[in-house]
N, C-alpha and C. Protein backbone atom coordinates (compact mmCIF):
# COMPACT_ATOMS: atom_id res chain seq x y z
N UNK A 1 -16.61 -5.61 9.86
CA UNK A 1 -16.03 -6.12 11.08
C UNK A 1 -14.76 -6.92 10.75
N UNK A 2 -13.69 -6.62 11.44
CA UNK A 2 -12.40 -7.23 11.15
C UNK A 2 -12.34 -8.66 11.67
N UNK A 3 -11.84 -9.61 10.83
CA UNK A 3 -11.69 -10.99 11.30
C UNK A 3 -10.73 -11.06 12.52
N UNK A 4 -10.99 -11.97 13.40
CA UNK A 4 -10.13 -12.16 14.58
C UNK A 4 -9.26 -13.40 14.43
N UNK A 5 -9.42 -14.11 13.33
CA UNK A 5 -8.59 -15.29 13.06
C UNK A 5 -8.39 -15.36 11.56
N UNK A 6 -7.72 -16.38 11.09
CA UNK A 6 -7.54 -16.56 9.66
C UNK A 6 -8.91 -16.48 8.97
N UNK A 7 -8.92 -15.93 7.75
CA UNK A 7 -10.18 -15.71 7.05
C UNK A 7 -10.04 -15.98 5.57
N UNK A 8 -11.17 -16.28 4.94
CA UNK A 8 -11.25 -16.45 3.47
C UNK A 8 -11.71 -15.12 2.90
N UNK A 9 -10.85 -14.47 2.09
CA UNK A 9 -11.11 -13.08 1.71
C UNK A 9 -11.10 -12.89 0.18
N UNK A 10 -11.75 -11.80 -0.21
CA UNK A 10 -11.67 -11.33 -1.60
C UNK A 10 -11.93 -9.84 -1.63
N UNK A 11 -11.44 -9.17 -2.67
CA UNK A 11 -11.72 -7.76 -2.93
C UNK A 11 -12.81 -7.71 -3.99
N UNK A 12 -13.74 -6.72 -3.83
CA UNK A 12 -14.89 -6.70 -4.73
C UNK A 12 -15.45 -5.29 -4.87
N UNK A 13 -16.25 -5.12 -5.89
CA UNK A 13 -17.15 -3.97 -5.98
C UNK A 13 -18.44 -4.43 -5.30
N UNK A 14 -18.97 -3.58 -4.45
CA UNK A 14 -20.11 -3.93 -3.58
C UNK A 14 -21.28 -3.03 -3.91
N UNK A 15 -22.32 -3.52 -4.55
CA UNK A 15 -23.44 -2.65 -4.96
C UNK A 15 -24.26 -2.18 -3.75
N UNK A 16 -24.91 -1.04 -3.95
CA UNK A 16 -25.85 -0.56 -2.91
C UNK A 16 -27.17 -1.31 -3.06
N UNK A 17 -28.09 -1.06 -2.16
CA UNK A 17 -29.36 -1.79 -2.13
C UNK A 17 -30.18 -1.57 -3.40
N UNK A 18 -30.16 -0.36 -3.95
CA UNK A 18 -30.92 -0.08 -5.16
C UNK A 18 -30.40 -0.91 -6.34
N UNK A 19 -29.09 -0.99 -6.49
CA UNK A 19 -28.51 -1.79 -7.56
C UNK A 19 -28.84 -3.27 -7.35
N UNK A 20 -28.74 -3.75 -6.12
CA UNK A 20 -29.07 -5.15 -5.81
C UNK A 20 -30.51 -5.48 -6.19
N UNK A 21 -31.43 -4.56 -5.89
CA UNK A 21 -32.85 -4.77 -6.19
C UNK A 21 -33.06 -4.86 -7.71
N UNK A 22 -32.41 -3.99 -8.45
CA UNK A 22 -32.54 -4.03 -9.92
C UNK A 22 -31.94 -5.30 -10.52
N UNK A 23 -30.86 -5.76 -9.97
CA UNK A 23 -30.27 -7.03 -10.42
C UNK A 23 -31.27 -8.16 -10.17
N UNK A 24 -31.84 -8.19 -8.96
CA UNK A 24 -32.80 -9.25 -8.61
C UNK A 24 -34.04 -9.20 -9.48
N UNK A 25 -34.52 -8.00 -9.80
CA UNK A 25 -35.70 -7.87 -10.68
C UNK A 25 -35.39 -8.44 -12.06
N UNK A 26 -34.21 -8.17 -12.57
CA UNK A 26 -33.84 -8.72 -13.88
C UNK A 26 -33.65 -10.23 -13.82
N UNK A 27 -33.13 -10.72 -12.73
CA UNK A 27 -32.96 -12.18 -12.60
C UNK A 27 -34.31 -12.87 -12.60
N UNK A 28 -35.32 -12.25 -12.06
CA UNK A 28 -36.66 -12.84 -12.05
C UNK A 28 -37.24 -13.04 -13.44
N UNK A 29 -36.70 -12.35 -14.44
CA UNK A 29 -37.17 -12.52 -15.83
C UNK A 29 -36.71 -13.84 -16.44
N UNK A 30 -35.66 -14.41 -15.85
CA UNK A 30 -35.18 -15.71 -16.32
C UNK A 30 -36.09 -16.77 -15.75
N UNK A 31 -36.38 -17.76 -16.52
CA UNK A 31 -37.27 -18.83 -16.05
C UNK A 31 -36.40 -19.95 -15.51
N UNK A 32 -35.85 -19.72 -14.31
CA UNK A 32 -34.94 -20.69 -13.71
C UNK A 32 -35.73 -21.64 -12.82
N UNK A 33 -35.46 -22.90 -12.96
CA UNK A 33 -36.07 -23.92 -12.10
C UNK A 33 -35.37 -23.86 -10.74
N UNK A 34 -36.12 -23.44 -9.72
CA UNK A 34 -35.54 -23.29 -8.38
C UNK A 34 -35.00 -24.59 -7.80
N UNK A 35 -35.49 -25.71 -8.29
CA UNK A 35 -35.01 -27.00 -7.82
C UNK A 35 -33.69 -27.39 -8.47
N UNK A 36 -33.39 -26.76 -9.60
CA UNK A 36 -32.18 -27.12 -10.34
C UNK A 36 -31.17 -25.99 -10.40
N UNK A 37 -31.36 -24.94 -9.58
CA UNK A 37 -30.40 -23.85 -9.53
C UNK A 37 -30.47 -23.22 -8.14
N UNK A 38 -29.47 -22.42 -7.88
CA UNK A 38 -29.43 -21.70 -6.59
C UNK A 38 -29.13 -20.23 -6.86
N UNK A 39 -30.11 -19.37 -6.59
CA UNK A 39 -29.93 -17.95 -6.79
C UNK A 39 -28.99 -17.41 -5.72
N UNK A 40 -28.16 -16.47 -6.12
CA UNK A 40 -27.27 -15.80 -5.16
C UNK A 40 -28.13 -14.85 -4.35
N UNK A 41 -28.01 -14.90 -3.02
CA UNK A 41 -28.77 -14.01 -2.15
C UNK A 41 -28.44 -12.56 -2.48
N UNK A 42 -29.45 -11.69 -2.45
CA UNK A 42 -29.23 -10.28 -2.79
C UNK A 42 -28.07 -9.67 -2.01
N UNK A 43 -27.99 -9.95 -0.73
CA UNK A 43 -26.93 -9.34 0.07
C UNK A 43 -25.55 -9.93 -0.20
N UNK A 44 -25.45 -10.95 -1.05
CA UNK A 44 -24.16 -11.51 -1.45
C UNK A 44 -23.72 -11.06 -2.85
N UNK A 45 -24.55 -10.32 -3.55
CA UNK A 45 -24.22 -9.91 -4.92
C UNK A 45 -23.01 -8.97 -4.90
N UNK A 46 -22.06 -9.21 -5.80
CA UNK A 46 -20.85 -8.40 -5.87
C UNK A 46 -20.14 -8.68 -7.20
N UNK A 47 -19.14 -7.87 -7.50
CA UNK A 47 -18.25 -8.11 -8.64
C UNK A 47 -16.84 -8.28 -8.07
N UNK A 48 -16.32 -9.48 -8.18
CA UNK A 48 -15.00 -9.80 -7.63
C UNK A 48 -13.89 -9.10 -8.43
N UNK A 49 -13.03 -8.44 -7.69
CA UNK A 49 -11.82 -7.86 -8.29
C UNK A 49 -10.65 -8.83 -8.18
N UNK A 50 -10.42 -9.36 -6.94
CA UNK A 50 -9.37 -10.34 -6.71
C UNK A 50 -9.83 -11.28 -5.60
N UNK A 51 -9.75 -12.57 -5.87
CA UNK A 51 -9.99 -13.58 -4.83
C UNK A 51 -8.68 -13.86 -4.16
N UNK A 52 -8.61 -13.63 -2.85
CA UNK A 52 -7.37 -13.82 -2.11
C UNK A 52 -7.30 -15.23 -1.50
N UNK A 53 -8.39 -15.71 -0.94
CA UNK A 53 -8.42 -17.04 -0.34
C UNK A 53 -8.14 -16.98 1.16
N UNK A 54 -7.72 -18.11 1.70
CA UNK A 54 -7.45 -18.21 3.14
C UNK A 54 -6.25 -17.35 3.48
N UNK A 55 -6.43 -16.52 4.50
CA UNK A 55 -5.46 -15.46 4.80
C UNK A 55 -5.23 -15.37 6.31
N UNK A 56 -3.97 -15.19 6.71
CA UNK A 56 -3.64 -15.04 8.12
C UNK A 56 -3.88 -13.59 8.54
N UNK A 57 -3.94 -13.39 9.85
CA UNK A 57 -4.12 -12.03 10.39
C UNK A 57 -3.02 -11.10 9.91
N UNK A 58 -1.77 -11.56 9.92
CA UNK A 58 -0.66 -10.74 9.44
C UNK A 58 -0.85 -10.34 7.98
N UNK A 59 -1.30 -11.29 7.14
CA UNK A 59 -1.53 -10.99 5.75
C UNK A 59 -2.68 -10.00 5.58
N UNK A 60 -3.69 -10.11 6.44
CA UNK A 60 -4.84 -9.16 6.37
C UNK A 60 -4.36 -7.75 6.61
N UNK A 61 -3.46 -7.55 7.58
CA UNK A 61 -2.89 -6.23 7.85
C UNK A 61 -2.21 -5.68 6.60
N UNK A 62 -1.45 -6.52 5.93
CA UNK A 62 -0.73 -6.11 4.71
C UNK A 62 -1.73 -5.76 3.61
N UNK A 63 -2.73 -6.61 3.40
CA UNK A 63 -3.74 -6.37 2.36
C UNK A 63 -4.46 -5.06 2.59
N UNK A 64 -4.84 -4.79 3.82
CA UNK A 64 -5.55 -3.55 4.13
C UNK A 64 -4.66 -2.34 3.86
N UNK A 65 -3.40 -2.43 4.28
CA UNK A 65 -2.47 -1.32 4.06
C UNK A 65 -2.25 -1.05 2.58
N UNK A 66 -2.07 -2.09 1.82
CA UNK A 66 -1.83 -1.95 0.38
C UNK A 66 -3.09 -1.42 -0.35
N UNK A 67 -4.26 -1.90 0.07
CA UNK A 67 -5.49 -1.46 -0.58
C UNK A 67 -5.70 0.04 -0.36
N UNK A 68 -5.27 0.55 0.78
CA UNK A 68 -5.41 1.99 1.05
C UNK A 68 -4.57 2.83 0.08
N UNK A 69 -3.56 2.23 -0.54
CA UNK A 69 -2.68 2.93 -1.45
C UNK A 69 -3.20 2.97 -2.89
N UNK A 70 -4.28 2.24 -3.16
CA UNK A 70 -4.81 2.19 -4.52
C UNK A 70 -5.38 3.56 -4.89
N UNK A 71 -5.03 4.00 -6.08
CA UNK A 71 -5.49 5.30 -6.57
C UNK A 71 -6.34 5.08 -7.80
N UNK A 72 -7.65 5.29 -7.66
CA UNK A 72 -8.55 5.12 -8.79
C UNK A 72 -9.72 6.09 -8.62
N UNK A 73 -10.30 6.47 -9.77
CA UNK A 73 -11.43 7.39 -9.77
C UNK A 73 -12.74 6.60 -9.74
N UNK A 74 -13.84 7.22 -9.25
CA UNK A 74 -15.16 6.61 -9.37
C UNK A 74 -15.51 6.44 -10.83
N UNK A 75 -16.40 5.50 -11.12
CA UNK A 75 -16.81 5.23 -12.49
C UNK A 75 -18.22 4.63 -12.51
N UNK A 76 -18.79 4.60 -13.69
CA UNK A 76 -20.13 4.02 -13.86
C UNK A 76 -20.00 2.70 -14.59
N UNK A 77 -20.78 1.73 -14.09
CA UNK A 77 -20.94 0.44 -14.76
C UNK A 77 -22.36 0.32 -15.24
N UNK A 78 -22.54 -0.31 -16.37
CA UNK A 78 -23.88 -0.62 -16.83
C UNK A 78 -23.93 -2.13 -17.06
N UNK A 79 -24.66 -2.83 -16.16
CA UNK A 79 -24.87 -4.26 -16.33
C UNK A 79 -26.03 -4.42 -17.29
N UNK A 80 -25.72 -4.86 -18.52
CA UNK A 80 -26.74 -4.92 -19.54
C UNK A 80 -26.78 -6.20 -20.33
N UNK A 81 -26.00 -7.18 -19.93
CA UNK A 81 -26.01 -8.45 -20.63
C UNK A 81 -25.85 -9.59 -19.65
N UNK A 82 -26.17 -10.77 -20.10
CA UNK A 82 -26.02 -11.95 -19.26
C UNK A 82 -25.18 -12.99 -20.00
N UNK A 83 -24.68 -13.94 -19.25
CA UNK A 83 -23.89 -15.00 -19.84
C UNK A 83 -23.89 -16.21 -18.93
N UNK A 84 -23.27 -17.27 -19.41
CA UNK A 84 -23.26 -18.54 -18.67
C UNK A 84 -21.88 -19.12 -18.75
N UNK A 85 -21.29 -19.43 -17.57
CA UNK A 85 -20.02 -20.15 -17.53
C UNK A 85 -20.37 -21.63 -17.39
N UNK A 86 -20.01 -22.41 -18.40
CA UNK A 86 -20.40 -23.81 -18.48
C UNK A 86 -19.84 -24.67 -17.36
N UNK A 87 -18.52 -24.60 -17.15
CA UNK A 87 -17.91 -25.51 -16.18
C UNK A 87 -18.42 -25.32 -14.76
N UNK A 88 -18.47 -24.08 -14.24
CA UNK A 88 -19.01 -23.94 -12.88
C UNK A 88 -20.53 -23.86 -12.85
N UNK A 89 -21.17 -23.85 -14.04
CA UNK A 89 -22.64 -23.80 -14.15
C UNK A 89 -23.20 -22.56 -13.44
N UNK A 90 -22.70 -21.39 -13.91
CA UNK A 90 -23.02 -20.11 -13.29
C UNK A 90 -23.63 -19.17 -14.31
N UNK A 91 -24.73 -18.52 -13.94
CA UNK A 91 -25.33 -17.44 -14.71
C UNK A 91 -24.80 -16.13 -14.15
N UNK A 92 -24.42 -15.22 -15.04
CA UNK A 92 -23.86 -13.95 -14.62
C UNK A 92 -24.45 -12.78 -15.39
N UNK A 93 -24.34 -11.60 -14.81
CA UNK A 93 -24.67 -10.34 -15.48
C UNK A 93 -23.37 -9.57 -15.62
N UNK A 94 -23.24 -8.90 -16.76
CA UNK A 94 -22.01 -8.15 -17.00
C UNK A 94 -22.27 -6.96 -17.89
N UNK A 95 -21.19 -6.36 -18.37
CA UNK A 95 -21.23 -5.15 -19.19
C UNK A 95 -20.96 -5.52 -20.65
N UNK A 96 -21.66 -4.85 -21.54
CA UNK A 96 -21.34 -5.02 -22.97
C UNK A 96 -19.88 -4.60 -23.18
N UNK A 97 -19.53 -3.46 -22.55
CA UNK A 97 -18.16 -3.00 -22.59
C UNK A 97 -17.86 -2.33 -21.25
N UNK A 98 -17.03 -2.99 -20.45
CA UNK A 98 -16.66 -2.45 -19.14
C UNK A 98 -15.74 -1.24 -19.32
N UNK A 99 -15.85 -0.25 -18.45
CA UNK A 99 -15.00 0.93 -18.58
C UNK A 99 -13.53 0.60 -18.28
N UNK A 100 -12.66 1.34 -18.93
CA UNK A 100 -11.21 1.17 -18.72
C UNK A 100 -10.83 1.35 -17.26
N UNK A 101 -11.55 2.24 -16.58
CA UNK A 101 -11.24 2.51 -15.17
C UNK A 101 -11.38 1.24 -14.31
N UNK A 102 -12.33 0.38 -14.65
CA UNK A 102 -12.49 -0.89 -13.92
C UNK A 102 -11.26 -1.75 -14.09
N UNK A 103 -10.78 -1.86 -15.33
CA UNK A 103 -9.58 -2.68 -15.59
C UNK A 103 -8.36 -2.08 -14.90
N UNK A 104 -8.28 -0.74 -14.90
CA UNK A 104 -7.16 -0.07 -14.22
C UNK A 104 -7.19 -0.33 -12.71
N UNK A 105 -8.39 -0.27 -12.12
CA UNK A 105 -8.55 -0.55 -10.68
C UNK A 105 -8.11 -1.98 -10.39
N UNK A 106 -8.56 -2.92 -11.20
CA UNK A 106 -8.20 -4.34 -11.02
C UNK A 106 -6.68 -4.49 -11.06
N UNK A 107 -6.05 -3.89 -12.06
CA UNK A 107 -4.61 -4.03 -12.21
C UNK A 107 -3.86 -3.35 -11.07
N UNK A 108 -4.24 -2.13 -10.73
CA UNK A 108 -3.58 -1.38 -9.66
C UNK A 108 -3.69 -2.12 -8.34
N UNK A 109 -4.88 -2.60 -8.00
CA UNK A 109 -5.07 -3.34 -6.76
C UNK A 109 -4.22 -4.61 -6.76
N UNK A 110 -4.22 -5.33 -7.88
CA UNK A 110 -3.43 -6.55 -7.97
C UNK A 110 -1.96 -6.32 -7.75
N UNK A 111 -1.44 -5.24 -8.32
CA UNK A 111 -0.01 -4.89 -8.12
C UNK A 111 0.29 -4.56 -6.67
N UNK A 112 -0.62 -3.87 -6.03
CA UNK A 112 -0.41 -3.48 -4.63
C UNK A 112 -0.44 -4.71 -3.72
N UNK A 113 -1.47 -5.54 -3.86
CA UNK A 113 -1.60 -6.66 -2.92
C UNK A 113 -0.64 -7.80 -3.23
N UNK A 114 0.04 -7.75 -4.39
CA UNK A 114 1.08 -8.72 -4.70
C UNK A 114 2.23 -8.60 -3.71
N UNK A 115 2.34 -7.46 -3.04
CA UNK A 115 3.39 -7.24 -2.03
C UNK A 115 3.06 -7.98 -0.74
N UNK A 116 1.89 -8.59 -0.68
CA UNK A 116 1.42 -9.30 0.53
C UNK A 116 1.41 -10.81 0.29
N UNK A 117 2.32 -11.32 -0.46
CA UNK A 117 2.37 -12.77 -0.76
C UNK A 117 1.12 -13.24 -1.46
N UNK A 118 0.49 -12.34 -2.25
CA UNK A 118 -0.68 -12.69 -3.04
C UNK A 118 -0.24 -12.78 -4.49
N UNK A 119 -0.67 -13.84 -5.17
CA UNK A 119 -0.35 -14.02 -6.57
C UNK A 119 -1.63 -13.90 -7.39
N UNK A 120 -1.76 -12.82 -8.18
CA UNK A 120 -2.96 -12.65 -9.00
C UNK A 120 -3.15 -13.81 -9.99
N UNK A 121 -4.41 -14.06 -10.34
CA UNK A 121 -4.71 -15.12 -11.30
C UNK A 121 -4.07 -14.84 -12.64
N UNK A 122 -3.67 -15.89 -13.31
CA UNK A 122 -3.03 -15.74 -14.63
C UNK A 122 -4.08 -15.45 -15.72
N UNK A 123 -5.31 -15.98 -15.54
CA UNK A 123 -6.31 -15.77 -16.58
C UNK A 123 -6.79 -14.33 -16.63
N UNK A 124 -7.29 -13.93 -17.78
CA UNK A 124 -7.75 -12.56 -17.99
C UNK A 124 -8.91 -12.22 -17.06
N UNK A 125 -8.94 -10.97 -16.62
CA UNK A 125 -10.02 -10.47 -15.77
C UNK A 125 -11.30 -10.45 -16.59
N UNK A 126 -12.35 -11.04 -16.06
CA UNK A 126 -13.65 -11.11 -16.72
C UNK A 126 -14.71 -10.56 -15.77
N UNK A 127 -14.89 -9.25 -15.74
CA UNK A 127 -15.79 -8.64 -14.77
C UNK A 127 -17.24 -9.09 -14.97
N UNK A 128 -17.85 -9.59 -13.85
CA UNK A 128 -19.23 -10.06 -13.90
C UNK A 128 -19.76 -10.15 -12.48
N UNK A 129 -21.08 -10.18 -12.39
CA UNK A 129 -21.77 -10.43 -11.12
C UNK A 129 -22.45 -11.78 -11.24
N UNK A 130 -22.03 -12.74 -10.44
CA UNK A 130 -22.69 -14.05 -10.44
C UNK A 130 -24.05 -13.89 -9.80
N UNK A 131 -25.11 -14.38 -10.51
CA UNK A 131 -26.47 -14.21 -10.00
C UNK A 131 -27.14 -15.54 -9.67
N UNK A 132 -26.64 -16.66 -10.26
CA UNK A 132 -27.22 -17.99 -9.97
C UNK A 132 -26.14 -19.04 -10.19
N UNK A 133 -26.22 -20.09 -9.39
CA UNK A 133 -25.26 -21.18 -9.44
C UNK A 133 -25.98 -22.52 -9.63
N UNK A 134 -25.19 -23.53 -9.95
CA UNK A 134 -25.69 -24.90 -10.08
C UNK A 134 -26.83 -25.02 -11.09
N UNK A 135 -26.67 -24.34 -12.21
CA UNK A 135 -27.68 -24.39 -13.27
C UNK A 135 -27.34 -25.55 -14.17
N UNK A 136 -28.34 -26.41 -14.42
CA UNK A 136 -28.13 -27.63 -15.20
C UNK A 136 -27.81 -27.31 -16.67
N UNK A 137 -28.62 -26.46 -17.29
CA UNK A 137 -28.34 -26.09 -18.67
C UNK A 137 -28.43 -24.58 -18.84
N UNK A 138 -27.69 -24.08 -19.78
CA UNK A 138 -27.60 -22.63 -20.00
C UNK A 138 -28.99 -22.06 -20.31
N UNK A 139 -29.40 -21.01 -19.60
CA UNK A 139 -30.65 -20.35 -19.92
C UNK A 139 -30.51 -19.55 -21.21
N UNK A 140 -31.62 -19.37 -21.89
CA UNK A 140 -31.60 -18.54 -23.09
C UNK A 140 -31.32 -17.09 -22.70
N UNK A 141 -30.44 -16.42 -23.45
CA UNK A 141 -30.21 -15.01 -23.15
C UNK A 141 -31.50 -14.24 -23.36
N UNK A 142 -31.78 -13.29 -22.48
CA UNK A 142 -32.97 -12.45 -22.62
C UNK A 142 -32.58 -11.00 -22.47
N UNK A 143 -33.42 -10.14 -23.02
CA UNK A 143 -33.22 -8.71 -22.82
C UNK A 143 -33.69 -8.35 -21.43
N UNK A 144 -32.96 -7.45 -20.78
CA UNK A 144 -33.42 -6.97 -19.50
C UNK A 144 -33.02 -5.51 -19.36
N UNK A 145 -33.61 -4.84 -18.37
CA UNK A 145 -33.34 -3.43 -18.16
C UNK A 145 -31.90 -3.25 -17.67
N UNK A 146 -31.11 -2.44 -18.37
CA UNK A 146 -29.74 -2.21 -17.92
C UNK A 146 -29.73 -1.67 -16.49
N UNK A 147 -28.78 -2.15 -15.71
CA UNK A 147 -28.62 -1.71 -14.33
C UNK A 147 -27.46 -0.72 -14.28
N UNK A 148 -27.76 0.50 -13.90
CA UNK A 148 -26.74 1.56 -13.80
C UNK A 148 -26.19 1.55 -12.38
N UNK A 149 -24.90 1.43 -12.30
CA UNK A 149 -24.21 1.28 -11.00
C UNK A 149 -23.09 2.32 -10.93
N UNK A 150 -23.22 3.28 -10.03
CA UNK A 150 -22.18 4.25 -9.79
C UNK A 150 -21.22 3.66 -8.76
N UNK A 151 -20.03 3.37 -9.22
CA UNK A 151 -19.03 2.72 -8.36
C UNK A 151 -18.16 3.81 -7.75
N UNK A 152 -18.18 3.91 -6.41
CA UNK A 152 -17.38 4.92 -5.74
C UNK A 152 -16.52 4.33 -4.61
N UNK A 153 -16.46 2.97 -4.59
CA UNK A 153 -15.61 2.32 -3.59
C UNK A 153 -15.40 0.86 -4.00
N UNK A 154 -14.37 0.26 -3.40
CA UNK A 154 -14.24 -1.19 -3.47
C UNK A 154 -14.08 -1.65 -2.03
N UNK A 155 -14.24 -2.95 -1.79
CA UNK A 155 -14.26 -3.46 -0.43
C UNK A 155 -13.43 -4.74 -0.32
N UNK A 156 -13.02 -5.01 0.91
CA UNK A 156 -12.43 -6.29 1.28
C UNK A 156 -13.54 -7.06 1.96
N UNK A 157 -13.76 -8.29 1.53
CA UNK A 157 -14.90 -9.09 2.00
C UNK A 157 -14.41 -10.41 2.58
N UNK A 158 -15.05 -10.83 3.68
CA UNK A 158 -14.80 -12.16 4.26
C UNK A 158 -15.92 -13.07 3.84
N UNK A 159 -15.58 -14.25 3.39
CA UNK A 159 -16.54 -15.30 3.05
C UNK A 159 -16.67 -16.23 4.26
N UNK A 160 -17.88 -16.27 4.82
CA UNK A 160 -18.11 -17.03 6.03
C UNK A 160 -19.05 -18.19 5.71
N UNK A 161 -18.60 -19.43 5.98
CA UNK A 161 -19.45 -20.60 5.74
C UNK A 161 -20.60 -20.64 6.76
N UNK A 162 -21.80 -20.85 6.24
CA UNK A 162 -22.99 -20.99 7.08
C UNK A 162 -23.76 -22.19 6.59
N UNK A 163 -24.73 -22.63 7.34
CA UNK A 163 -25.55 -23.76 6.94
C UNK A 163 -26.23 -23.44 5.59
N UNK A 164 -26.00 -24.26 4.60
CA UNK A 164 -26.61 -24.08 3.30
C UNK A 164 -25.90 -23.11 2.38
N UNK A 165 -24.71 -22.65 2.71
CA UNK A 165 -24.01 -21.76 1.80
C UNK A 165 -22.97 -20.88 2.47
N UNK A 166 -22.92 -19.62 2.02
CA UNK A 166 -21.96 -18.65 2.56
C UNK A 166 -22.64 -17.32 2.80
N UNK A 167 -22.03 -16.56 3.69
CA UNK A 167 -22.45 -15.18 3.91
C UNK A 167 -21.23 -14.32 3.70
N UNK A 168 -21.39 -13.23 2.98
CA UNK A 168 -20.28 -12.32 2.74
C UNK A 168 -20.42 -11.12 3.67
N UNK A 169 -19.30 -10.75 4.31
CA UNK A 169 -19.31 -9.64 5.25
C UNK A 169 -18.19 -8.68 4.88
N UNK A 170 -18.52 -7.42 4.70
CA UNK A 170 -17.51 -6.42 4.35
C UNK A 170 -16.60 -6.19 5.56
N UNK A 171 -15.31 -6.32 5.32
CA UNK A 171 -14.29 -6.12 6.37
C UNK A 171 -13.85 -4.66 6.38
N UNK A 172 -13.60 -4.10 5.18
CA UNK A 172 -13.14 -2.73 5.07
C UNK A 172 -13.59 -2.20 3.70
N UNK A 173 -13.82 -0.89 3.69
CA UNK A 173 -14.25 -0.21 2.45
C UNK A 173 -13.21 0.84 2.07
N UNK A 174 -12.94 0.96 0.77
CA UNK A 174 -11.91 1.87 0.27
C UNK A 174 -12.53 2.82 -0.77
N UNK A 175 -12.58 4.11 -0.48
CA UNK A 175 -13.23 5.03 -1.41
C UNK A 175 -12.39 5.26 -2.67
N UNK A 176 -13.10 5.50 -3.76
CA UNK A 176 -12.48 5.88 -5.01
C UNK A 176 -12.65 7.39 -5.12
N UNK A 177 -11.56 8.10 -5.33
CA UNK A 177 -11.62 9.57 -5.35
C UNK A 177 -10.94 10.16 -6.57
């Protein structure tokens, strides 16, 4: 559903329900204290390509038009490892080695949306799916069943503040062909 006013947006890879379920099953293997962490809701799981931030309606039109110009092929991701970002206190799942196509998609999309007064982050792209937040101390890495994810689209997502957190809503979907 298209925003009718300024919106907080990002571009992402959006897993299907089967991939979300497998991610959640693997997350359950971690012994996380529910009182000292916050699991990401299954319907909010995603892999961010570019965080855009607060965006006007005019900028949304530009972002959508530029995203339609992205040329990338479908690819497979295998989420098979976990990690911990210390400063934001985030547990994530990622790839041992992400495919080149993912990096090409990230770069191509970034170049296109830069025409919409968007400035891509200077830091290196670190593809991951955030699965838990506000973790007090890093959990021990554990083995889990690799999650196979066939990526055939990317999406524009609106972040909507709700009581107790956020809800992510897909604004537009862009097929990879």
